[in-house]
C-alpha atoms as a PDB file:
ATOM      1  CA  MET A   1     -43.709  -5.262  36.468  1.00  0.00           C
ATOM      2  CA  LYS A   2     -41.499  -4.621  32.858  1.00  0.00           C
ATOM      3  CA  THR A   3     -38.642  -7.231  34.993  1.00  0.00           C
ATOM      4  CA  LEU A   4     -41.034  -9.909  34.559  1.00  0.00           C
ATOM      5  CA  LEU A   5     -42.957  -8.368  31.140  1.00  0.00           C
ATOM      6  CA  ALA A   6     -39.849  -8.398  29.988  1.00  0.00           C
ATOM      7  CA  LEU A   7     -38.902 -11.378  30.733  1.00  0.00           C
ATOM      8  CA  VAL A   8     -42.254 -12.998  29.267  1.00  0.00           C
ATOM      9  CA  MET A   9     -41.991 -11.038  26.804  1.00  0.00           C
ATOM     10  CA  SER A  10     -38.230 -12.961  25.532  1.00  0.00           C
ATOM     11  CA  SER A  11     -39.281 -16.322  26.755  1.00  0.00           C
ATOM     12  CA  PHE A  12     -42.283 -16.321  23.721  1.00  0.00           C
ATOM     13  CA  PHE A  13     -39.742 -15.375  20.979  1.00  0.00           C
ATOM     14  CA  VAL A  14     -37.657 -18.272  22.431  1.00  0.00           C
ATOM     15  CA  VAL A  15     -40.808 -20.187  21.784  1.00  0.00           C
ATOM     16  CA  LEU A  16     -41.690 -19.189  18.446  1.00  0.00           C
ATOM     17  CA  THR A  17     -37.578 -18.803  17.585  1.00  0.00           C
ATOM     18  CA  GLY A  18     -37.288 -23.039  17.910  1.00  0.00           C
ATOM     19  CA  CYS A  19     -41.166 -23.754  15.973  1.00  0.00           C
ATOM     20  CA  ASN A  20     -40.220 -21.806  13.879  1.00  0.00           C
ATOM     21  CA  THR A  21     -43.424 -20.246  13.160  1.00  0.00           C
ATOM     22  CA  VAL A  22     -46.617 -20.747  14.721  1.00  0.00           C
ATOM     23  CA  ALA A  23     -48.394 -22.974  13.329  1.00  0.00           C
ATOM     24  CA  GLY A  24     -45.367 -25.031  14.081  1.00  0.00           C
ATOM     25  CA  ALA A  25     -45.683 -24.104  17.619  1.00  0.00           C
ATOM     26  CA  GLY A  26     -49.411 -26.094  17.094  1.00  0.00           C
ATOM     27  CA  LYS A  27     -48.005 -29.063  15.328  1.00  0.00           C
ATOM     28  CA  ASP A  28     -44.835 -29.319  18.406  1.00  0.00           C
ATOM     29  CA  ILE A  29     -48.377 -28.870  20.989  1.00  0.00           C
ATOM     30  CA  GLU A  30     -50.133 -31.794  18.884  1.00  0.00           C
ATOM     31  CA  ARG A  31     -46.541 -34.037  19.093  1.00  0.00           C
ATOM     32  CA  GLY A  32     -46.719 -33.248  22.177  1.00  0.00           C
ATOM     33  CA  GLY A  33     -50.326 -34.132  23.451  1.00  0.00           C
ATOM     34  CA  GLU A  34     -50.014 -37.488  20.807  1.00  0.00           C
ATOM     35  CA  LYS A  35     -46.484 -38.617  23.265  1.00  0.00           C
ATOM     36  CA  VAL A  36     -48.948 -38.158  26.221  1.00  0.00           C
ATOM     37  CA  GLN A  37     -52.161 -39.806  25.497  1.00  0.00           C
ATOM     38  CA  ASP A  38     -50.035 -42.964  23.822  1.00  0.00           C
ATOM     39  CA  THR A  39     -48.275 -42.864  27.080  1.00  0.00           C
ATOM     40  CA  ALA A  40     -51.615 -43.042  29.022  1.00  0.00           C
ATOM     41  CA  LYS A  41     -52.754 -45.563  26.607  1.00  0.00           C
ATOM     42  CA  ASP A  42     -50.275 -48.415  27.817  1.00  0.00           C
ATOM     43  CA  VAL A  43     -49.790 -47.651  31.347  1.00  0.00           C
ATOM     44  CA  GLN A  44     -54.062 -48.517  31.014  1.00  0.00           C
ATOM     45  CA  GLN A  45     -52.926 -51.581  29.215  1.00  0.00           C
ATOM     46  CA  LYS A  46     -50.637 -52.791  31.437  1.00  0.00           C
ATOM     47  CA  LEU A  47     -53.280 -52.538  34.885  1.00  0.00           C
END
């Protein structure tokens, strides 16, 4: 259990470091969501 917790915490810190800040993480997630929406719209138009 301690090993799993350490792994999860390490992963969390790596993600935050990659984004530099929590606000940066929110912006990254928002951009990802926009890409998913754009792709969904493209697929709908092709149908």
